[in-house]
Each structure stands twice: as C-alpha cells, then as structure tokens.
C-alpha cells in the first residue's frame, strides 16, 4: 500500500483528536519530569503513552516527506514548511546515531455545531538509549527539539517557563 493509500485509509478511520491531545500532554509532562530530575530515562521511555501504529503513516526516510505532503493535499508552502521542520528534527536525531522516523496521524473531533473537524499531526519519533548519561540525554533532546533553529509551539510542551528562557530561539514563546 502506498503512503497516499495509507493516508486515505487512515482518514476513513481517523483517531480521536482528544486522545491525541491527551497523549501529547502526557508526553510533555513526562519530559518535564525528566528535565526536572524526577524520573529517569528508562521511566520516561516506558511511561510514554502507547501509540496506535496501525492508524499512523510512518516514513523512515526524509526523501518522500515533501512529496507525500503535497499528494495528500497540502499546498506548496505548508508542505515545504512542515517538511523542513520535521526533517530538521529527523537529521539532528540521525547525527546522534538514533533511528528516527516520521509519524503522521489524521484525527477528528466534532465541533459545537456537530460538524466533523479533521486534524493532521506530525512528529519525528526517536529513542535515546537508556544507558546515556541523563545530562547528555537532555542535551540531545534539546538539540533535536530545537533543530530548525527555534522551538515550535508543539516542541515547547516539555519545558517550563524558566527552561524556555535559556533555550535558543528566534521566535517569541506564546
């Protein structure tokens, strides 16, 4: 099945958007706890919410990302921007010898008028080996999260306001 066919199939049975938001909030909270020294890397890894991989579009290489985004309907500018940002995370993770891959999800919810709203979520998945020194793991994570040269709103979830002040950024934080 091609990536576009997989996206179409996934769109027919989208994830619950509320569940994706909850999963992201939990992941952000776990990252905050790791940065604060309240949990170790092994606990972080095993506590991350389980994903429904059968409802995801996974791309293991950077090459097809832009074309995939265009084929599923993103305009050139949005496809280019999204591909560039996700590729930056991907290549930074590869620099550290990690085996990252792109994950794309389609979800939906119902608005107050009873209309379905669809969402497109993307991220780069990577795992840091549990034997890495915690300070080094934090450095690696920070560099991957800030790989485009700034932290996007989605990438900031794991940081406190004090942390954000010390991170590299060319954008104002919300």
C-alpha atoms as a PDB file:
ATOM      1  CA  UNK A   1       0.000   0.000   0.000  1.00  0.00           C
ATOM      2  CA  UNK A   2       1.449   3.399  -0.972  1.00  0.00           C
ATOM      3  CA  UNK A   3       1.779   6.195   1.567  1.00  0.00           C
ATOM      4  CA  UNK A   4      -1.099   8.087  -0.053  1.00  0.00           C
ATOM      5  CA  UNK A   5      -3.311   4.991   0.004  1.00  0.00           C
ATOM      6  CA  UNK A   6      -2.405   4.501   3.664  1.00  0.00           C
ATOM      7  CA  UNK A   7      -3.316   8.132   4.368  1.00  0.00           C
ATOM      8  CA  UNK A   8      -6.668   7.682   2.642  1.00  0.00           C
ATOM      9  CA  UNK A   9      -7.368   4.520   4.632  1.00  0.00           C
ATOM     10  CA  UNK A  10      -6.350   6.257   7.854  1.00  0.00           C
ATOM     11  CA  UNK A  11      -8.616   9.216   7.032  1.00  0.00           C
ATOM     12  CA  UNK A  12     -11.572   6.839   6.765  1.00  0.00           C
ATOM     13  CA  UNK A  13     -10.976   5.717  10.343  1.00  0.00           C
ATOM     14  CA  UNK A  14      -9.264   8.698  11.996  1.00  0.00           C
ATOM     15  CA  UNK A  15      -8.013   8.824  15.540  1.00  0.00           C
ATOM     16  CA  UNK A  16      -9.936  10.692  18.212  1.00  0.00           C
ATOM     17  CA  UNK A  17      -8.332  14.139  18.341  1.00  0.00           C
ATOM     18  CA  UNK A  18      -8.994  14.453  22.069  1.00  0.00           C
ATOM     19  CA  UNK A  19      -6.936  11.309  22.650  1.00  0.00           C
ATOM     20  CA  UNK A  20      -4.044  12.704  20.611  1.00  0.00           C
ATOM     21  CA  UNK A  21      -4.102  15.903  22.648  1.00  0.00           C
ATOM     22  CA  UNK A  22      -4.150  13.905  25.909  1.00  0.00           C
ATOM     23  CA  UNK A  23      -1.261  11.734  24.691  1.00  0.00           C
ATOM     24  CA  UNK A  24       0.774  14.828  23.788  1.00  0.00           C
ATOM     25  CA  UNK A  25       0.042  16.459  27.152  1.00  0.00           C
ATOM     26  CA  UNK A  26       1.137  13.318  28.996  1.00  0.00           C
ATOM     27  CA  UNK A  27       4.311  13.066  26.908  1.00  0.00           C
ATOM     28  CA  UNK A  28       5.070  16.737  27.606  1.00  0.00           C
ATOM     29  CA  UNK A  29       4.547  16.221  31.340  1.00  0.00           C
ATOM     30  CA  UNK A  30       6.867  13.197  31.319  1.00  0.00           C
ATOM     31  CA  UNK A  31       9.564  15.197  29.504  1.00  0.00           C
ATOM     32  CA  UNK A  32       9.167  17.992  32.089  1.00  0.00           C
ATOM     33  CA  UNK A  33       9.615  15.433  34.873  1.00  0.00           C
ATOM     34  CA  UNK A  34      12.711  14.024  33.172  1.00  0.00           C
ATOM     35  CA  UNK A  35      14.218  17.506  32.760  1.00  0.00           C
ATOM     36  CA  UNK A  36      13.470  18.246  36.428  1.00  0.00           C
ATOM     37  CA  UNK A  37      15.207  15.023  37.503  1.00  0.00           C
ATOM     38  CA  UNK A  38      12.028  13.494  38.920  1.00  0.00           C
ATOM     39  CA  UNK A  39      12.162  10.461  36.605  1.00  0.00           C
ATOM     40  CA  UNK A  40      14.991   8.717  34.784  1.00  0.00           C
ATOM     41  CA  UNK A  41      15.288   7.966  31.077  1.00  0.00           C
ATOM     42  CA  UNK A  42      14.041   4.373  31.493  1.00  0.00           C
ATOM     43  CA  UNK A  43      10.912   5.573  33.287  1.00  0.00           C
ATOM     44  CA  UNK A  44      10.354   8.219  30.637  1.00  0.00           C
ATOM     45  CA  UNK A  45      10.629   5.636  27.862  1.00  0.00           C
ATOM     46  CA  UNK A  46       8.316   3.080  29.458  1.00  0.00           C
ATOM     47  CA  UNK A  47       5.775   5.697  30.612  1.00  0.00           C
ATOM     48  CA  UNK A  48       5.246   7.363  27.252  1.00  0.00           C
ATOM     49  CA  UNK A  49       1.718   6.733  26.006  1.00  0.00           C
ATOM     50  CA  UNK A  50       1.259   3.842  23.602  1.00  0.00           C
ATOM     51  CA  UNK A  51       0.594   4.811  20.010  1.00  0.00           C
ATOM     52  CA  UNK A  52      -1.868   3.230  17.602  1.00  0.00           C
ATOM     53  CA  UNK A  53       0.692   2.472  14.910  1.00  0.00           C
ATOM     54  CA  UNK A  54      -1.909   0.792  12.697  1.00  0.00           C
ATOM     55  CA  UNK A  55      -3.535   4.232  12.385  1.00  0.00           C
ATOM     56  CA  UNK A  56      -0.310   6.072  11.546  1.00  0.00           C
ATOM     57  CA  UNK A  57       1.551   6.802   8.360  1.00  0.00           C
ATOM     58  CA  UNK A  58       5.231   6.105   9.013  1.00  0.00           C
ATOM     59  CA  UNK A  59       8.030   7.289   6.735  1.00  0.00           C
ATOM     60  CA  UNK A  60      11.507   6.052   7.547  1.00  0.00           C
ATOM     61  CA  UNK A  61      13.478   8.318   5.195  1.00  0.00           C
ATOM     62  CA  UNK A  62      13.438  12.079   4.630  1.00  0.00           C
ATOM     63  CA  UNK A  63      13.207  11.959   0.834  1.00  0.00           C
ATOM     64  CA  UNK A  64       9.493  11.252   0.358  1.00  0.00           C
ATOM     65  CA  UNK A  65       8.156  13.613   3.033  1.00  0.00           C
ATOM     66  CA  UNK A  66       7.526  16.725   0.900  1.00  0.00           C
ATOM     67  CA  UNK A  67       6.028  14.712  -1.963  1.00  0.00           C
ATOM     68  CA  UNK A  68       3.796  12.829   0.441  1.00  0.00           C
ATOM     69  CA  UNK A  69       2.533  16.059   1.988  1.00  0.00           C
ATOM     70  CA  UNK A  70       1.777  17.503  -1.450  1.00  0.00           C
ATOM     71  CA  UNK A  71      -0.008  14.345  -2.602  1.00  0.00           C
ATOM     72  CA  UNK A  72      -2.317  14.325   0.385  1.00  0.00           C
ATOM     73  CA  UNK A  73      -3.343  17.906  -0.312  1.00  0.00           C
ATOM     74  CA  UNK A  74      -1.078  20.370   1.481  1.00  0.00           C
ATOM     75  CA  UNK A  75      -0.254  23.426  -0.597  1.00  0.00           C
ATOM     76  CA  UNK A  76       3.373  24.006  -1.561  1.00  0.00           C
ATOM     77  CA  UNK A  77       4.164  26.499   1.171  1.00  0.00           C
ATOM     78  CA  UNK A  78       2.676  24.449   4.027  1.00  0.00           C
ATOM     79  CA  UNK A  79       4.204  21.221   2.685  1.00  0.00           C
ATOM     80  CA  UNK A  80       7.608  22.884   2.364  1.00  0.00           C
ATOM     81  CA  UNK A  81       7.491  24.416   5.858  1.00  0.00           C
ATOM     82  CA  UNK A  82       6.283  21.235   7.549  1.00  0.00           C
ATOM     83  CA  UNK A  83       8.778  19.048   5.674  1.00  0.00           C
ATOM     84  CA  UNK A  84      11.664  21.388   6.536  1.00  0.00           C
ATOM     85  CA  UNK A  85      10.797  21.499  10.218  1.00  0.00           C
ATOM     86  CA  UNK A  86      10.301  17.750  10.592  1.00  0.00           C
ATOM     87  CA  UNK A  87      13.402  16.983   8.517  1.00  0.00           C
ATOM     88  CA  UNK A  88      15.474  19.205  10.805  1.00  0.00           C
ATOM     89  CA  UNK A  89      14.405  17.111  13.812  1.00  0.00           C
ATOM     90  CA  UNK A  90      14.990  13.904  11.824  1.00  0.00           C
ATOM     91  CA  UNK A  91      18.518  14.810  10.704  1.00  0.00           C
ATOM     92  CA  UNK A  92      19.539  16.059  14.158  1.00  0.00           C
ATOM     93  CA  UNK A  93      18.419  12.718  15.647  1.00  0.00           C
ATOM     94  CA  UNK A  94      20.408  10.898  12.942  1.00  0.00           C
ATOM     95  CA  UNK A  95      23.515  12.928  13.860  1.00  0.00           C
ATOM     96  CA  UNK A  96      23.353  11.241  17.261  1.00  0.00           C
ATOM     97  CA  UNK A  97      23.078   7.781  15.720  1.00  0.00           C
ATOM     98  CA  UNK A  98      19.426   7.394  16.645  1.00  0.00           C
ATOM     99  CA  UNK A  99      16.997   5.728  14.241  1.00  0.00           C
ATOM    100  CA  UNK A 100      14.300   8.365  13.837  1.00  0.00           C
ATOM    101  CA  UNK A 101      11.245   8.130  11.630  1.00  0.00           C
ATOM    102  CA  UNK A 102       8.406  10.429  10.650  1.00  0.00           C
ATOM    103  CA  UNK A 103       4.922   9.800  12.015  1.00  0.00           C
ATOM    104  CA  UNK A 104       1.795  11.352  10.516  1.00  0.00           C
ATOM    105  CA  UNK A 105      -1.644  10.998  12.066  1.00  0.00           C
ATOM    106  CA  UNK A 106      -5.117  12.018  10.976  1.00  0.00           C
ATOM    107  CA  UNK A 107      -7.657  12.686  13.687  1.00  0.00           C
ATOM    108  CA  UNK A 108     -11.061  14.226  14.064  1.00  0.00           C
ATOM    109  CA  UNK A 109     -13.438  15.667  16.576  1.00  0.00           C
ATOM    110  CA  UNK A 110     -16.896  17.166  16.454  1.00  0.00           C
ATOM    111  CA  UNK A 111     -17.348  20.899  16.955  1.00  0.00           C
ATOM    112  CA  UNK A 112     -20.174  22.523  18.914  1.00  0.00           C
ATOM    113  CA  UNK A 113     -22.302  22.622  15.752  1.00  0.00           C
ATOM    114  CA  UNK A 114     -21.981  18.881  15.220  1.00  0.00           C
ATOM    115  CA  UNK A 115     -19.557  19.292  12.319  1.00  0.00           C
ATOM    116  CA  UNK A 116     -16.563  16.982  11.968  1.00  0.00           C
ATOM    117  CA  UNK A 117     -13.174  18.701  12.113  1.00  0.00           C
ATOM    118  CA  UNK A 118     -10.099  16.895  10.819  1.00  0.00           C
ATOM    119  CA  UNK A 119      -6.537  17.402  12.031  1.00  0.00           C
ATOM    120  CA  UNK A 120      -3.151  16.420  10.675  1.00  0.00           C
ATOM    121  CA  UNK A 121      -0.468  15.747  13.286  1.00  0.00           C
ATOM    122  CA  UNK A 122       3.182  15.099  12.543  1.00  0.00           C
ATOM    123  CA  UNK A 123       6.264  14.360  14.596  1.00  0.00           C
ATOM    124  CA  UNK A 124       9.611  12.608  14.443  1.00  0.00           C
ATOM    125  CA  UNK A 125       9.894   9.605  16.726  1.00  0.00           C
ATOM    126  CA  UNK A 126      13.260   8.675  18.230  1.00  0.00           C
ATOM    127  CA  UNK A 127      14.534   6.787  21.253  1.00  0.00           C
ATOM    128  CA  UNK A 128      17.629   7.625  23.242  1.00  0.00           C
ATOM    129  CA  UNK A 129      19.390   4.542  24.640  1.00  0.00           C
ATOM    130  CA  UNK A 130      18.763   4.193  28.364  1.00  0.00           C
ATOM    131  CA  UNK A 131      22.462   3.919  29.164  1.00  0.00           C
ATOM    132  CA  UNK A 132      23.104   7.523  28.066  1.00  0.00           C
ATOM    133  CA  UNK A 133      24.013   9.941  30.854  1.00  0.00           C
ATOM    134  CA  UNK A 134      20.872  11.913  31.843  1.00  0.00           C
ATOM    135  CA  UNK A 135      22.534  15.299  31.221  1.00  0.00           C
ATOM    136  CA  UNK A 136      23.693  14.144  27.793  1.00  0.00           C
ATOM    137  CA  UNK A 137      20.172  12.817  27.065  1.00  0.00           C
ATOM    138  CA  UNK A 138      18.707  16.218  27.967  1.00  0.00           C
ATOM    139  CA  UNK A 139      21.208  17.928  25.680  1.00  0.00           C
ATOM    140  CA  UNK A 140      20.385  15.543  22.819  1.00  0.00           C
ATOM    141  CA  UNK A 141      16.655  16.045  23.300  1.00  0.00           C
ATOM    142  CA  UNK A 142      17.025  19.836  23.404  1.00  0.00           C
ATOM    143  CA  UNK A 143      19.064  19.836  20.226  1.00  0.00           C
ATOM    144  CA  UNK A 144      16.555  17.602  18.429  1.00  0.00           C
ATOM    145  CA  UNK A 145      13.555  19.611  19.617  1.00  0.00           C
ATOM    146  CA  UNK A 146      15.192  22.892  18.560  1.00  0.00           C
ATOM    147  CA  UNK A 147      16.682  21.540  15.335  1.00  0.00           C
ATOM    148  CA  UNK A 148      15.081  24.064  12.994  1.00  0.00           C
ATOM    149  CA  UNK A 149      16.901  26.758  14.982  1.00  0.00           C
ATOM    150  CA  UNK A 150      13.888  27.555  17.141  1.00  0.00           C
ATOM    151  CA  UNK A 151      11.288  25.755  19.207  1.00  0.00           C
ATOM    152  CA  UNK A 152       7.854  25.487  17.661  1.00  0.00           C
ATOM    153  CA  UNK A 153       4.839  25.655  19.950  1.00  0.00           C
ATOM    154  CA  UNK A 154       4.475  21.854  19.754  1.00  0.00           C
ATOM    155  CA  UNK A 155       8.111  21.352  20.713  1.00  0.00           C
ATOM    156  CA  UNK A 156       7.873  23.554  23.787  1.00  0.00           C
ATOM    157  CA  UNK A 157       5.487  21.400  25.779  1.00  0.00           C
ATOM    158  CA  UNK A 158       8.178  19.726  27.825  1.00  0.00           C
ATOM    159  CA  UNK A 159       9.754  22.936  29.060  1.00  0.00           C
ATOM    160  CA  UNK A 160       8.983  25.200  31.992  1.00  0.00           C
ATOM    161  CA  UNK A 161       8.919  28.978  31.511  1.00  0.00           C
ATOM    162  CA  UNK A 162      12.399  29.182  33.086  1.00  0.00           C
ATOM    163  CA  UNK A 163      13.698  26.476  30.723  1.00  0.00           C
ATOM    164  CA  UNK A 164      12.301  28.347  27.718  1.00  0.00           C
ATOM    165  CA  UNK A 165      14.274  31.474  28.644  1.00  0.00           C
ATOM    166  CA  UNK A 166      17.556  29.579  28.324  1.00  0.00           C
ATOM    167  CA  UNK A 167      16.738  27.807  25.050  1.00  0.00           C
ATOM    168  CA  UNK A 168      17.867  29.023  21.629  1.00  0.00           C
ATOM    169  CA  UNK A 169      15.037  30.774  19.842  1.00  0.00           C
ATOM    170  CA  UNK A 170      14.363  33.305  17.151  1.00  0.00           C
ATOM    171  CA  UNK A 171      10.657  33.402  17.946  1.00  0.00           C
ATOM    172  CA  UNK A 172       8.675  34.717  20.846  1.00  0.00           C
ATOM    173  CA  UNK A 173       7.248  31.984  23.034  1.00  0.00           C
ATOM    174  CA  UNK A 174       3.480  32.009  23.406  1.00  0.00           C
END
